[in-house]
Amino acid sequence: SDDLYVFKDASGTINVDIDHKRWNGVTVTPKDTVEIQGEVDKDWNSVEIDVKQIRKVNP
């Protein structure tokens, strides 16, 4: 789906599901640091975050 993204930091990578309405006009590039809040959705072989809020933060 086009709402699925991969986020990465020093601890690893995770799949993140962000509905279009959750962006609230925020534009994010791979160089940006963001804070995400949401629910962890664990499946048998994967972990995904269903995002409720995303915002840019200063690194």
C-alpha atoms as a PDB file:
ATOM      1  CA  SER A   1       0.000   0.000   0.000  1.00  0.00           C
ATOM      2  CA  ASP A   2       1.161   3.565  -0.567  1.00  0.00           C
ATOM      3  CA  ASP A   3       0.717   4.288   3.141  1.00  0.00           C
ATOM      4  CA  LEU A   4       3.565   1.921   4.063  1.00  0.00           C
ATOM      5  CA  TYR A   5       7.035   3.357   4.730  1.00  0.00           C
ATOM      6  CA  VAL A   6      10.309   2.037   6.130  1.00  0.00           C
ATOM      7  CA  PHE A   7      11.916   4.073   8.904  1.00  0.00           C
ATOM      8  CA  LYS A   8      15.508   3.549   9.998  1.00  0.00           C
ATOM      9  CA  ASP A   9      17.728   4.681  12.859  1.00  0.00           C
ATOM     10  CA  ALA A  10      20.726   3.390  14.793  1.00  0.00           C
ATOM     11  CA  SER A  11      18.586   0.641  16.361  1.00  0.00           C
ATOM     12  CA  GLY A  12      17.411  -0.788  13.033  1.00  0.00           C
ATOM     13  CA  THR A  13      14.506  -0.514  10.604  1.00  0.00           C
ATOM     14  CA  ILE A  14      10.742  -0.855  11.009  1.00  0.00           C
ATOM     15  CA  ASN A  15       7.717  -0.772   8.726  1.00  0.00           C
ATOM     16  CA  VAL A  16       5.445   2.160   9.436  1.00  0.00           C
ATOM     17  CA  ASP A  17       1.855   2.597   8.203  1.00  0.00           C
ATOM     18  CA  ILE A  18       0.935   6.285   7.908  1.00  0.00           C
ATOM     19  CA  ASP A  19      -2.504   7.230   6.592  1.00  0.00           C
ATOM     20  CA  HIS A  20      -2.470  10.336   4.397  1.00  0.00           C
ATOM     21  CA  LYS A  21      -4.480  12.321   6.974  1.00  0.00           C
ATOM     22  CA  ARG A  22      -1.820  11.704   9.660  1.00  0.00           C
ATOM     23  CA  TRP A  23       0.793  13.752   7.752  1.00  0.00           C
ATOM     24  CA  ASN A  24      -1.047  17.040   8.459  1.00  0.00           C
ATOM     25  CA  GLY A  25       0.887  18.771   5.672  1.00  0.00           C
ATOM     26  CA  VAL A  26       4.300  17.711   7.033  1.00  0.00           C
ATOM     27  CA  THR A  27       6.889  16.957   4.340  1.00  0.00           C
ATOM     28  CA  VAL A  28       9.615  14.520   5.386  1.00  0.00           C
ATOM     29  CA  THR A  29      12.833  13.594   3.591  1.00  0.00           C
ATOM     30  CA  PRO A  30      15.278  10.782   4.460  1.00  0.00           C
ATOM     31  CA  LYS A  31      17.521  13.401   6.122  1.00  0.00           C
ATOM     32  CA  ASP A  32      14.819  14.541   8.583  1.00  0.00           C
ATOM     33  CA  THR A  33      14.517  13.303  12.155  1.00  0.00           C
ATOM     34  CA  VAL A  34      10.931  12.540  13.120  1.00  0.00           C
ATOM     35  CA  GLU A  35       8.972  11.459  16.166  1.00  0.00           C
ATOM     36  CA  ILE A  36       6.165   9.005  15.579  1.00  0.00           C
ATOM     37  CA  GLN A  37       3.418   7.940  17.949  1.00  0.00           C
ATOM     38  CA  GLY A  38       1.162   4.990  17.288  1.00  0.00           C
ATOM     39  CA  GLU A  39       0.329   1.379  17.977  1.00  0.00           C
ATOM     40  CA  VAL A  40       2.671  -1.555  17.453  1.00  0.00           C
ATOM     41  CA  ASP A  41       1.053  -4.190  15.242  1.00  0.00           C
ATOM     42  CA  LYS A  42       2.802  -7.546  15.649  1.00  0.00           C
ATOM     43  CA  ASP A  43       2.161 -10.307  13.146  1.00  0.00           C
ATOM     44  CA  TRP A  44       3.666 -13.786  13.054  1.00  0.00           C
ATOM     45  CA  ASN A  45       6.680 -12.656  11.046  1.00  0.00           C
ATOM     46  CA  SER A  46       6.628  -8.861  11.086  1.00  0.00           C
ATOM     47  CA  VAL A  47       6.245  -5.806  13.278  1.00  0.00           C
ATOM     48  CA  GLU A  48       4.637  -2.606  12.031  1.00  0.00           C
ATOM     49  CA  ILE A  49       3.683   0.699  13.622  1.00  0.00           C
ATOM     50  CA  ASP A  50       0.223   2.094  12.863  1.00  0.00           C
ATOM     51  CA  VAL A  51       0.968   5.808  13.162  1.00  0.00           C
ATOM     52  CA  LYS A  52      -1.414   8.166  14.958  1.00  0.00           C
ATOM     53  CA  GLN A  53       0.884  11.225  14.882  1.00  0.00           C
ATOM     54  CA  ILE A  54       4.135  12.206  13.142  1.00  0.00           C
ATOM     55  CA  ARG A  55       6.193  15.359  13.576  1.00  0.00           C
ATOM     56  CA  LYS A  56       9.646  16.649  12.671  1.00  0.00           C
ATOM     57  CA  VAL A  57      12.118  17.154  15.510  1.00  0.00           C
ATOM     58  CA  ASN A  58      15.586  18.666  15.706  1.00  0.00           C
ATOM     59  CA  PRO A  59      18.253  15.952  15.855  1.00  0.00           C
END
